Amino acid sequence: MFQFFKKKTNLEKLEVKYKKCLEEAFLLAQVNRTKSDEKYKEAEAIAQQIVQLKTS
């Protein structure tokens, strides 16, 4: 009910950031493949952080 008062955890923030990076990588793939690859690498680094948070 009062979800907007609840602060996001670091895990939730990283998941949103990961999803956004993947979307940007997909859009960039249509225009510039090298920039798309850079965004994908950034997303993979965020995924590693997510895994670390989930295991700890």
N, C-alpha and C. Protein backbone atom coordinates (compact mmCIF):
# COMPACT_ATOMS: atom_id res chain seq x y z
N MET A 1 0.82 -1.19 0.00
CA MET A 1 0.00 0.00 0.00
C MET A 1 0.87 1.26 0.00
N PHE A 2 1.85 1.30 0.89
CA PHE A 2 2.74 2.45 0.95
C PHE A 2 4.10 2.08 0.41
N GLN A 3 4.11 1.56 -0.78
CA GLN A 3 5.34 1.08 -1.40
C GLN A 3 6.28 2.23 -1.73
N PHE A 4 5.75 3.43 -1.96
CA PHE A 4 6.60 4.54 -2.34
C PHE A 4 7.41 5.07 -1.17
N PHE A 5 7.08 4.69 0.06
CA PHE A 5 7.87 5.07 1.22
C PHE A 5 9.03 4.12 1.47
N LYS A 6 8.94 2.94 0.92
CA LYS A 6 9.97 1.93 1.12
C LYS A 6 11.19 2.24 0.25
N LYS A 7 12.36 2.26 0.86
CA LYS A 7 13.58 2.51 0.10
C LYS A 7 14.01 1.22 -0.59
N LYS A 8 14.62 1.38 -1.76
CA LYS A 8 15.10 0.21 -2.50
C LYS A 8 16.40 -0.28 -1.88
N THR A 9 16.56 -1.57 -1.86
CA THR A 9 17.81 -2.16 -1.39
C THR A 9 18.85 -2.03 -2.49
N ASN A 10 20.11 -2.27 -2.12
CA ASN A 10 21.18 -2.22 -3.11
C ASN A 10 20.94 -3.24 -4.22
N LEU A 11 20.42 -4.40 -3.85
CA LEU A 11 20.15 -5.45 -4.83
C LEU A 11 19.11 -4.97 -5.84
N GLU A 12 18.04 -4.35 -5.36
CA GLU A 12 17.00 -3.85 -6.26
C GLU A 12 17.53 -2.75 -7.18
N LYS A 13 18.37 -1.88 -6.64
CA LYS A 13 18.96 -0.82 -7.45
C LYS A 13 19.84 -1.40 -8.56
N LEU A 14 20.64 -2.41 -8.20
CA LEU A 14 21.51 -3.03 -9.19
C LEU A 14 20.71 -3.75 -10.27
N GLU A 15 19.61 -4.40 -9.88
CA GLU A 15 18.79 -5.10 -10.86
C GLU A 15 18.18 -4.12 -11.86
N VAL A 16 17.74 -2.95 -11.37
CA VAL A 16 17.19 -1.93 -12.27
C VAL A 16 18.27 -1.41 -13.20
N LYS A 17 19.46 -1.17 -12.65
CA LYS A 17 20.58 -0.67 -13.45
C LYS A 17 20.99 -1.70 -14.51
N TYR A 18 20.98 -2.99 -14.13
CA TYR A 18 21.33 -4.07 -15.05
C TYR A 18 20.34 -4.12 -16.22
N LYS A 19 19.08 -4.05 -15.89
CA LYS A 19 18.05 -4.10 -16.92
C LYS A 19 18.17 -2.91 -17.87
N LYS A 20 18.45 -1.74 -17.32
CA LYS A 20 18.59 -0.54 -18.14
C LYS A 20 19.80 -0.65 -19.08
N CYS A 21 20.90 -1.20 -18.58
CA CYS A 21 22.09 -1.37 -19.41
C CYS A 21 21.83 -2.34 -20.55
N LEU A 22 21.12 -3.41 -20.27
CA LEU A 22 20.81 -4.37 -21.33
C LEU A 22 19.91 -3.76 -22.40
N GLU A 23 18.95 -2.95 -21.98
CA GLU A 23 18.07 -2.29 -22.95
C GLU A 23 18.87 -1.32 -23.82
N GLU A 24 19.77 -0.56 -23.19
CA GLU A 24 20.60 0.37 -23.95
C GLU A 24 21.51 -0.38 -24.91
N ALA A 25 22.05 -1.50 -24.46
CA ALA A 25 22.93 -2.30 -25.33
C ALA A 25 22.15 -2.81 -26.54
N PHE A 26 20.93 -3.21 -26.33
CA PHE A 26 20.11 -3.70 -27.43
C PHE A 26 19.84 -2.59 -28.45
N LEU A 27 19.51 -1.40 -27.94
CA LEU A 27 19.24 -0.28 -28.84
C LEU A 27 20.51 0.16 -29.59
N LEU A 28 21.63 0.15 -28.90
CA LEU A 28 22.89 0.52 -29.53
C LEU A 28 23.33 -0.50 -30.57
N ALA A 29 22.95 -1.74 -30.39
CA ALA A 29 23.35 -2.80 -31.33
C ALA A 29 22.81 -2.52 -32.73
N GLN A 30 21.73 -1.79 -32.80
CA GLN A 30 21.15 -1.48 -34.10
C GLN A 30 21.92 -0.37 -34.82
N VAL A 31 22.69 0.42 -34.03
CA VAL A 31 23.39 1.57 -34.60
C VAL A 31 24.91 1.40 -34.56
N ASN A 32 25.43 1.08 -33.38
CA ASN A 32 26.88 1.04 -33.20
C ASN A 32 27.24 -0.19 -32.37
N ARG A 33 27.82 -1.16 -33.01
CA ARG A 33 28.10 -2.44 -32.36
C ARG A 33 29.15 -2.32 -31.25
N THR A 34 30.16 -1.49 -31.42
CA THR A 34 31.22 -1.39 -30.41
C THR A 34 30.68 -0.78 -29.13
N LYS A 35 29.84 0.25 -29.25
CA LYS A 35 29.24 0.85 -28.05
C LYS A 35 28.29 -0.14 -27.38
N SER A 36 27.62 -0.93 -28.19
CA SER A 36 26.73 -1.95 -27.66
C SER A 36 27.51 -2.97 -26.84
N ASP A 37 28.67 -3.37 -27.35
CA ASP A 37 29.52 -4.33 -26.63
C ASP A 37 30.00 -3.75 -25.31
N GLU A 38 30.33 -2.45 -25.29
CA GLU A 38 30.76 -1.81 -24.05
C GLU A 38 29.64 -1.80 -23.02
N LYS A 39 28.42 -1.51 -23.46
CA LYS A 39 27.27 -1.51 -22.54
C LYS A 39 27.00 -2.92 -22.03
N TYR A 40 27.18 -3.91 -22.91
CA TYR A 40 26.96 -5.29 -22.49
C TYR A 40 27.99 -5.70 -21.43
N LYS A 41 29.24 -5.26 -21.60
CA LYS A 41 30.28 -5.55 -20.60
C LYS A 41 29.94 -4.88 -19.27
N GLU A 42 29.43 -3.66 -19.35
CA GLU A 42 29.02 -2.95 -18.14
C GLU A 42 27.89 -3.71 -17.43
N ALA A 43 26.95 -4.22 -18.21
CA ALA A 43 25.84 -4.98 -17.65
C ALA A 43 26.35 -6.27 -17.01
N GLU A 44 27.33 -6.91 -17.62
CA GLU A 44 27.90 -8.14 -17.05
C GLU A 44 28.61 -7.86 -15.73
N ALA A 45 29.27 -6.70 -15.62
CA ALA A 45 29.92 -6.33 -14.36
C ALA A 45 28.87 -6.13 -13.27
N ILE A 46 27.76 -5.53 -13.63
CA ILE A 46 26.66 -5.34 -12.67
C ILE A 46 26.08 -6.69 -12.28
N ALA A 47 25.98 -7.60 -13.24
CA ALA A 47 25.47 -8.94 -12.94
C ALA A 47 26.37 -9.65 -11.93
N GLN A 48 27.67 -9.47 -12.05
CA GLN A 48 28.60 -10.08 -11.09
C GLN A 48 28.38 -9.51 -9.69
N GLN A 49 28.12 -8.21 -9.60
CA GLN A 49 27.83 -7.59 -8.30
C GLN A 49 26.55 -8.15 -7.71
N ILE A 50 25.55 -8.37 -8.56
CA ILE A 50 24.28 -8.94 -8.10
C ILE A 50 24.49 -10.34 -7.54
N VAL A 51 25.29 -11.13 -8.24
CA VAL A 51 25.58 -12.50 -7.77
C VAL A 51 26.29 -12.46 -6.43
N GLN A 52 27.25 -11.55 -6.28
CA GLN A 52 27.97 -11.43 -5.02
C GLN A 52 27.04 -11.05 -3.88
N LEU A 53 26.11 -10.14 -4.14
CA LEU A 53 25.16 -9.74 -3.09
C LEU A 53 24.22 -10.88 -2.71
N LYS A 54 23.82 -11.66 -3.71
CA LYS A 54 22.91 -12.75 -3.44
C LYS A 54 23.59 -13.89 -2.65
N THR A 55 24.88 -14.09 -2.88
CA THR A 55 25.57 -15.18 -2.20
C THR A 55 26.03 -14.79 -0.79
N SER A 56 26.13 -13.49 -0.55
CA SER A 56 26.58 -13.08 0.80
C SER A 56 25.44 -12.79 1.74
